Amino acid sequence: MEEQIKKSLEKIRPILQRDGGDVEFVSVEDGVVKVKMQGACGGCPGALMTIKMIIERTLVEDVPGVKEVIGV
């Protein structure tokens, strides 16, 4: 599952990098994926929306068993 998550994050990464940000995979446990927003996304007030609307939606679609994505 971890490798599938990382592969899926690679699809998202260019969108974030366009705005000076990035995402780092931290861990996955019981279908809950933890990510760390970096660069411009790290302190952005819209980071939670990015996590839920872009990252979570993509991972749930791409990786069976992913239930939720949270930022750490």
Protein backbone atom coordinates (compact mmCIF):
# COMPACT_ATOMS: atom_id res chain seq x y z
CA MET A 1 0.00 0.00 0.00
CA GLU A 2 2.83 2.39 0.85
CA GLU A 3 4.33 2.14 -2.64
CA GLN A 4 0.93 2.77 -4.25
CA ILE A 5 0.49 5.85 -2.08
CA LYS A 6 3.90 7.21 -3.05
CA LYS A 7 3.18 6.57 -6.73
CA SER A 8 -0.14 8.39 -6.46
CA LEU A 9 1.51 11.33 -4.68
CA GLU A 10 3.88 11.67 -7.63
CA LYS A 11 0.85 12.52 -9.78
CA ILE A 12 -0.14 15.30 -7.37
CA ARG A 13 3.35 16.71 -6.77
CA PRO A 14 3.52 18.87 -9.98
CA ILE A 15 0.31 20.68 -9.00
CA LEU A 16 1.79 21.60 -5.62
CA GLN A 17 5.22 22.47 -6.99
CA ARG A 18 3.65 24.93 -9.43
CA ASP A 19 2.73 27.03 -6.39
CA GLY A 20 6.06 26.52 -4.58
CA GLY A 21 4.92 23.67 -2.35
CA ASP A 22 5.27 19.92 -2.05
CA VAL A 23 3.99 16.96 -0.06
CA GLU A 24 5.88 14.31 1.89
CA PHE A 25 4.46 10.88 2.76
CA VAL A 26 4.88 10.23 6.50
CA SER A 27 2.99 7.00 7.26
CA VAL A 28 -0.16 4.96 6.79
CA GLU A 29 -2.08 3.06 9.46
CA ASP A 30 -5.55 1.52 9.23
CA GLY A 31 -6.28 3.37 5.99
CA VAL A 32 -5.33 6.76 7.39
CA VAL A 33 -2.48 8.37 5.46
CA LYS A 34 -0.35 11.02 7.14
CA VAL A 35 1.37 13.60 4.96
CA LYS A 36 3.47 16.67 5.65
CA MET A 37 2.98 19.74 3.49
CA GLN A 38 6.22 21.48 2.54
CA GLY A 39 7.42 24.74 1.03
CA ALA A 40 4.73 27.30 0.34
CA CYS A 41 2.08 24.69 1.20
CA GLY A 42 3.52 24.18 4.69
CA GLY A 43 2.22 27.44 6.10
CA CYS A 44 -0.59 28.06 3.65
CA PRO A 45 -4.05 28.64 5.14
CA GLY A 46 -5.47 26.54 2.30
CA ALA A 47 -3.31 23.50 3.14
CA LEU A 48 -6.19 21.63 4.79
CA MET A 49 -8.35 22.16 1.72
CA THR A 50 -5.50 20.95 -0.50
CA ILE A 51 -5.11 17.83 1.64
CA LYS A 52 -8.82 17.01 1.58
CA MET A 53 -9.86 18.14 -1.91
CA ILE A 54 -6.81 17.10 -3.93
CA ILE A 55 -4.62 14.65 -2.02
CA GLU A 56 -7.30 12.67 -0.18
CA ARG A 57 -9.58 12.45 -3.21
CA THR A 58 -6.74 11.20 -5.42
CA LEU A 59 -5.44 8.65 -2.91
CA VAL A 60 -8.92 7.26 -2.15
CA GLU A 61 -9.50 6.80 -5.89
CA ASP A 62 -6.05 5.35 -6.64
CA VAL A 63 -5.25 3.20 -3.60
CA PRO A 64 -7.67 0.57 -2.25
CA GLY A 65 -7.96 0.80 1.52
CA VAL A 66 -7.18 4.50 1.91
CA LYS A 67 -9.94 6.08 3.98
CA GLU A 68 -8.58 9.47 4.96
CA VAL A 69 -5.56 11.76 4.61
CA ILE A 70 -4.42 14.01 7.42
CA GLY A 71 -1.64 16.57 7.67
CA VAL A 72 0.97 16.36 10.39
